[in-house]
Protein backbone atom coordinates (compact mmCIF):
# COMPACT_ATOMS: atom_id res chain seq x y z
CA UNK A 1 86.84 84.63 86.56
CA UNK A 2 88.86 83.56 89.60
CA UNK A 3 92.37 84.94 90.12
CA UNK A 4 94.61 83.65 92.90
CA UNK A 5 97.85 85.18 94.14
CA UNK A 6 100.22 83.04 96.16
CA UNK A 7 103.22 84.03 98.24
CA UNK A 8 105.23 80.89 98.94
CA UNK A 9 107.97 81.90 101.35
CA UNK A 10 110.42 80.06 103.55
CA UNK A 11 108.35 80.73 106.68
CA UNK A 12 104.76 80.75 105.45
CA UNK A 13 102.57 80.23 102.38
CA UNK A 14 99.53 82.39 101.76
CA UNK A 15 96.94 82.53 98.98
CA UNK A 16 94.29 85.16 98.27
CA UNK A 17 91.49 84.37 95.82
CA UNK A 18 89.54 87.06 93.96
CA UNK A 19 86.49 86.67 91.73
CA UNK A 20 86.43 89.21 88.88
CA UNK A 21 83.15 90.24 87.25
CA UNK A 22 82.94 93.08 84.70
CA UNK A 23 86.40 94.32 85.64
CA UNK A 24 85.74 94.47 89.40
CA UNK A 25 87.28 91.94 91.76
CA UNK A 26 86.01 90.83 95.14
CA UNK A 27 87.99 88.71 97.56
CA UNK A 28 86.55 85.23 97.97
CA UNK A 29 88.79 84.07 100.78
CA UNK A 30 92.41 83.68 101.84
CA UNK A 31 94.37 80.89 103.45
CA UNK A 32 97.74 80.68 105.18
CA UNK A 33 99.86 77.63 106.01
CA UNK A 34 103.51 76.72 106.61
CA UNK A 35 106.50 77.62 104.42
CA UNK A 36 106.91 76.15 100.94
CA UNK A 37 110.48 76.77 99.78
CA UNK A 38 111.05 73.34 98.27
CA UNK A 39 114.81 73.56 98.79
CA UNK A 40 114.09 73.56 102.52
CA UNK A 41 111.06 71.27 102.89
CA UNK A 42 111.17 69.12 99.74
CA UNK A 43 109.00 69.33 96.65
CA UNK A 44 106.30 66.98 97.97
CA UNK A 45 105.65 68.98 101.12
CA UNK A 46 105.98 72.30 99.29
CA UNK A 47 103.46 71.17 96.68
CA UNK A 48 101.01 70.03 99.35
CA UNK A 49 101.20 73.35 101.19
CA UNK A 50 100.75 75.45 98.05
CA UNK A 51 97.87 73.25 96.89
CA UNK A 52 96.22 73.57 100.30
CA UNK A 53 96.54 77.36 100.25
CA UNK A 54 95.11 77.66 96.72
CA UNK A 55 92.19 75.29 97.14
CA UNK A 56 91.19 76.60 100.56
CA UNK A 57 91.25 80.19 99.26
CA UNK A 58 89.00 79.33 96.29
CA UNK A 59 86.80 77.03 98.36
CA UNK A 60 87.67 74.08 96.17
CA UNK A 61 87.45 75.70 92.72
CA UNK A 62 90.27 75.63 90.15
CA UNK A 63 91.38 79.24 89.51
CA UNK A 64 91.29 80.63 85.97
CA UNK A 65 94.58 82.46 86.62
CA UNK A 66 97.07 81.45 89.30
CA UNK A 67 100.09 83.71 89.94
CA UNK A 68 102.72 82.41 92.35
CA UNK A 69 105.70 84.21 93.87
CA UNK A 70 107.89 81.42 95.19
CA UNK A 71 110.99 81.46 97.35
CA UNK A 72 113.41 78.85 96.00
CA UNK A 73 112.57 79.50 92.34
CA UNK A 74 116.16 80.46 91.64
CA UNK A 75 117.10 78.71 88.38
CA UNK A 76 115.61 77.14 85.27
CA UNK A 77 115.93 73.75 86.99
CA UNK A 78 113.87 75.02 89.91
CA UNK A 79 111.26 76.28 87.45
CA UNK A 80 111.05 72.88 85.76
CA UNK A 81 110.60 71.03 89.07
CA UNK A 82 107.98 73.49 90.35
CA UNK A 83 106.12 73.62 87.04
CA UNK A 84 105.90 69.84 86.88
CA UNK A 85 104.34 69.73 90.33
CA UNK A 86 102.17 72.87 90.29
CA UNK A 87 101.01 73.64 86.73
CA UNK A 88 97.72 71.78 87.16
CA UNK A 89 96.63 73.98 90.07
CA UNK A 90 95.20 76.60 87.68
CA UNK A 91 93.86 76.86 84.14
CA UNK A 92 96.63 79.41 83.49
CA UNK A 93 99.67 79.51 85.76
CA UNK A 94 102.39 82.16 86.10
CA UNK A 95 105.38 81.60 88.39
CA UNK A 96 108.40 83.70 89.32
CA UNK A 97 110.66 84.28 92.30
CA UNK A 98 108.81 86.06 95.11
CA UNK A 99 111.17 89.05 94.84
CA UNK A 100 109.82 89.93 91.39
CA UNK A 101 106.23 90.23 92.58
CA UNK A 102 107.17 92.07 95.77
CA UNK A 103 108.94 94.67 93.66
CA UNK A 104 106.05 94.73 91.17
CA UNK A 105 103.62 95.57 93.98
CA UNK A 106 105.57 98.79 94.56
CA UNK A 107 106.64 99.82 91.04
CA UNK A 108 104.00 98.13 88.83
CA UNK A 109 106.78 97.05 86.49
CA UNK A 110 108.87 100.23 86.66
CA UNK A 111 112.47 100.71 87.74
CA UNK A 112 113.42 99.67 91.25
CA UNK A 113 115.43 97.49 93.61
CA UNK A 114 114.25 95.14 96.32
CA UNK A 115 116.21 93.38 99.06
CA UNK A 116 114.63 90.49 100.94
CA UNK A 117 116.25 89.21 104.11
CA UNK A 118 114.24 86.55 105.84
CA UNK A 119 115.11 82.87 106.17
CA UNK A 120 117.24 83.43 103.05
CA UNK A 121 118.14 86.55 101.09
CA UNK A 122 117.64 87.79 97.54
CA UNK A 123 118.21 91.09 95.75
CA UNK A 124 116.53 92.11 92.51
CA UNK A 125 116.99 95.24 90.44
CA UNK A 126 114.91 96.13 87.38
CA UNK A 127 115.58 98.90 84.86
CA UNK A 128 113.04 98.63 82.06
CA UNK A 129 113.59 95.20 80.50
CA UNK A 130 116.89 94.65 82.34
CA UNK A 131 116.97 92.44 85.44
CA UNK A 132 119.92 92.25 87.82
CA UNK A 133 119.72 89.54 90.46
CA UNK A 134 122.04 88.78 93.35
CA UNK A 135 121.99 86.22 96.15
CA UNK A 136 118.95 83.92 96.03
CA UNK A 137 121.08 80.86 95.21
CA UNK A 138 120.18 78.99 98.40
CA UNK A 139 121.76 78.49 101.82
CA UNK A 140 124.92 76.78 100.57
CA UNK A 141 125.83 79.17 97.74
CA UNK A 142 124.52 82.50 99.00
CA UNK A 143 121.85 83.88 101.38
CA UNK A 144 124.28 86.53 102.64
CA UNK A 145 122.95 88.51 105.58
CA UNK A 146 119.91 86.28 106.02
CA UNK A 147 118.52 84.74 109.20
CA UNK A 148 120.17 81.47 108.17
CA UNK A 149 123.54 83.21 107.67
CA UNK A 150 123.24 84.83 111.10
CA UNK A 151 122.19 81.58 112.78
CA UNK A 152 125.11 79.72 111.22
CA UNK A 153 127.61 82.38 112.34
CA UNK A 154 126.26 82.24 115.89
CA UNK A 155 126.51 78.45 115.98
CA UNK A 156 130.07 78.62 114.65
CA UNK A 157 130.98 81.03 117.43
CA UNK A 158 129.32 78.71 119.96
CA UNK A 159 131.45 75.86 118.61
CA UNK A 160 134.60 77.85 119.40
CA UNK A 161 133.32 78.62 122.90
CA UNK A 162 132.63 74.95 123.59
CA UNK A 163 136.10 74.09 122.31
CA UNK A 164 137.68 76.69 124.60
CA UNK A 165 138.85 78.98 121.80
CA UNK A 166 136.47 81.91 122.44
CA UNK A 167 134.92 83.40 125.55
CA UNK A 168 131.36 82.70 126.67
CA UNK A 169 128.84 85.52 126.21
CA UNK A 170 125.19 86.10 127.05
CA UNK A 171 124.39 85.01 123.48
CA UNK A 172 126.12 81.64 123.84
CA UNK A 173 124.47 81.06 127.24
CA UNK A 174 121.07 81.76 125.67
CA UNK A 175 121.85 79.46 122.73
CA UNK A 176 122.85 76.59 125.01
CA UNK A 177 119.73 77.02 127.13
CA UNK A 178 117.34 77.32 124.18
CA UNK A 179 118.86 74.45 122.17
CA UNK A 180 119.47 72.30 125.29
CA UNK A 181 123.17 71.99 124.59
CA UNK A 182 125.69 71.14 127.32
CA UNK A 183 128.84 70.47 125.29
CA UNK A 184 130.26 70.20 121.77
CA UNK A 185 128.86 66.68 121.38
CA UNK A 186 125.33 67.99 121.95
CA UNK A 187 125.87 70.77 119.39
CA UNK A 188 127.16 68.32 116.78
CA UNK A 189 124.13 66.13 117.46
CA UNK A 190 121.73 69.11 117.13
CA UNK A 191 123.21 70.18 113.79
CA UNK A 192 123.99 66.88 112.06
CA UNK A 193 122.25 63.94 113.69
CA UNK A 194 118.84 65.59 113.79
CA UNK A 195 119.19 66.49 110.13
CA UNK A 196 120.15 69.89 108.76
CA UNK A 197 117.04 72.07 108.58
CA UNK A 198 117.40 75.58 107.19
CA UNK A 199 114.47 77.00 109.15
CA UNK A 200 115.84 75.65 112.43
CA UNK A 201 119.24 77.28 111.89
CA UNK A 202 117.52 80.50 110.77
CA UNK A 203 115.45 80.57 113.98
CA UNK A 204 118.70 81.04 115.94
CA UNK A 205 118.82 84.61 114.56
CA UNK A 206 116.05 85.56 117.01
CA UNK A 207 118.28 84.57 119.94
CA UNK A 208 121.13 86.58 118.42
CA UNK A 209 118.95 89.67 118.04
CA UNK A 210 117.64 89.37 121.60
CA UNK A 211 121.23 89.11 122.90
CA UNK A 212 122.20 92.17 120.86
CA UNK A 213 119.41 94.18 122.48
CA UNK A 214 121.01 93.23 125.82
CA UNK A 215 124.31 94.70 124.59
CA UNK A 216 126.07 91.43 123.77
CA UNK A 217 129.01 92.57 121.62
CA UNK A 218 129.40 89.27 119.76
CA UNK A 219 125.70 89.17 118.80
CA UNK A 220 125.83 92.81 117.69
CA UNK A 221 128.93 92.11 115.61
CA UNK A 222 127.26 89.18 113.83
CA UNK A 223 124.15 91.24 113.00
CA UNK A 224 126.22 94.20 111.85
CA UNK A 225 128.42 92.07 109.60
CA UNK A 226 125.34 90.45 108.09
CA UNK A 227 123.69 93.78 107.30
CA UNK A 228 126.93 95.28 106.04
CA UNK A 229 127.64 92.46 103.62
CA UNK A 230 124.09 92.43 102.30
CA UNK A 231 124.12 96.23 102.02
CA UNK A 232 127.26 96.29 99.91
CA UNK A 233 125.71 93.83 97.46
CA UNK A 234 122.49 95.84 97.35
CA UNK A 235 124.43 99.03 96.58
CA UNK A 236 126.11 97.36 93.59
CA UNK A 237 122.75 96.21 92.19
CA UNK A 238 121.24 99.68 92.75
CA UNK A 239 124.10 101.33 90.89
CA UNK A 240 123.76 98.83 88.06
CA UNK A 241 120.12 99.75 87.44
CA UNK A 242 120.66 103.41 88.37
CA UNK A 243 118.22 103.45 91.28
CA UNK A 244 118.57 105.81 94.24
CA UNK A 245 116.26 103.77 96.48
CA UNK A 246 115.76 100.20 97.65
CA UNK A 247 112.66 98.49 98.98
CA UNK A 248 113.32 96.16 101.92
CA UNK A 249 111.25 93.36 103.38
CA UNK A 250 111.80 90.32 105.59
CA UNK A 251 112.19 89.42 109.23
CA UNK A 252 115.78 90.59 109.60
CA UNK A 253 114.77 94.17 108.90
CA UNK A 254 112.76 94.08 112.13
CA UNK A 255 116.06 93.91 114.02
CA UNK A 256 117.12 97.37 115.20
CA UNK A 257 120.83 96.56 115.04
CA UNK A 258 120.56 95.00 111.61
CA UNK A 259 118.44 97.81 110.15
CA UNK A 260 120.68 100.53 111.56
CA UNK A 261 123.79 99.04 109.95
CA UNK A 262 122.02 98.40 106.64
CA UNK A 263 120.79 101.98 106.49
CA UNK A 264 124.30 103.23 107.30
CA UNK A 265 125.67 101.38 104.26
CA UNK A 266 122.88 102.70 102.06
CA UNK A 267 123.46 106.29 103.23
CA UNK A 268 127.10 105.94 102.21
CA UNK A 269 125.88 105.44 98.63
CA UNK A 270 123.03 107.97 98.98
CA UNK A 271 120.41 105.23 98.54
CA UNK A 272 117.06 105.70 100.28
CA UNK A 273 115.62 102.74 102.20
CA UNK A 274 111.87 102.18 101.71
CA UNK A 275 110.07 99.59 103.81
CA UNK A 276 107.32 97.45 102.32
CA UNK A 277 104.39 97.09 104.68
CA UNK A 278 102.02 95.36 102.25
CA UNK A 279 101.02 91.74 102.57
CA UNK A 280 103.52 90.03 100.17
CA UNK A 281 100.65 88.03 98.69
CA UNK A 282 99.38 91.25 97.14
CA UNK A 283 102.30 91.27 94.68
CA UNK A 284 101.34 88.19 92.67
CA UNK A 285 97.65 89.01 93.12
CA UNK A 286 98.05 92.54 91.70
CA UNK A 287 100.11 91.18 88.82
CA UNK A 288 97.32 88.74 87.97
CA UNK A 289 94.59 91.36 88.26
CA UNK A 290 96.55 93.76 86.05
CA UNK A 291 96.88 91.00 83.44
CA UNK A 292 93.10 90.83 83.01
CA UNK A 293 92.36 94.52 83.70
CA UNK A 294 90.50 93.81 86.92
CA UNK A 295 90.41 96.30 89.79
CA UNK A 296 90.12 95.05 93.35
CA UNK A 297 87.09 96.43 95.13
CA UNK A 298 87.94 98.12 98.44
CA UNK A 299 84.46 97.74 99.86
């Protein structure tokens, strides 16, 4: 029996295939490709990338059980669109938001809270059968404290600089150099005429973090506000499910400034921060293996 776990994130998509025989599973192969959040790249491209990851990992065989943790699966409408395009990839298919499987990989279905801050952001708390979800409604409606949120705030500040309202900083100089922007017309062209791309705006967060490490006060302020706002939402979810800890994962938690401020907010509520260092693909894979009582061989 072939079980495949897929992590379909905003930045990358990865599948791991396991063949289970007599309750013991051995990895067949794994495959990684570009991001597959269909809100960002469209359902056609997302479907192609997930299909590629699955079929390459199984070496062309249809899996008996396919479990997918997908960024962008945020509503019943998202589920319907994704199901229509992906349900034929396996004989049995299970899909949920990637946050559920990331949390499952740590708690195996028990109580806990997870906060993801990468391209977008999502918070999930589970207390027995109760689920409390915050953020995860996409770049327009939410994604507080995410790389996209940070990139957007930096570009808004740059707009004010180019209009003579705010002072130039090392961050804005770096932004102009990296994005090849000379004036407000260039910035408008970069944002609107080239087409709004979530990943491109989110990539600006790396410039912000680099500027913060060089003691740019504006960059540090943006990162701190992002972490603070996300942290306050996380604390409310944690209190709702009565958890004294939160698992964190995502690129923004690699920022020293961001992490320091997030941990400060958590300490205020006496909530312990636990970092996930597992491959996120292991979440859906472990869920699938548990479903059929198959243990992954470590040899």
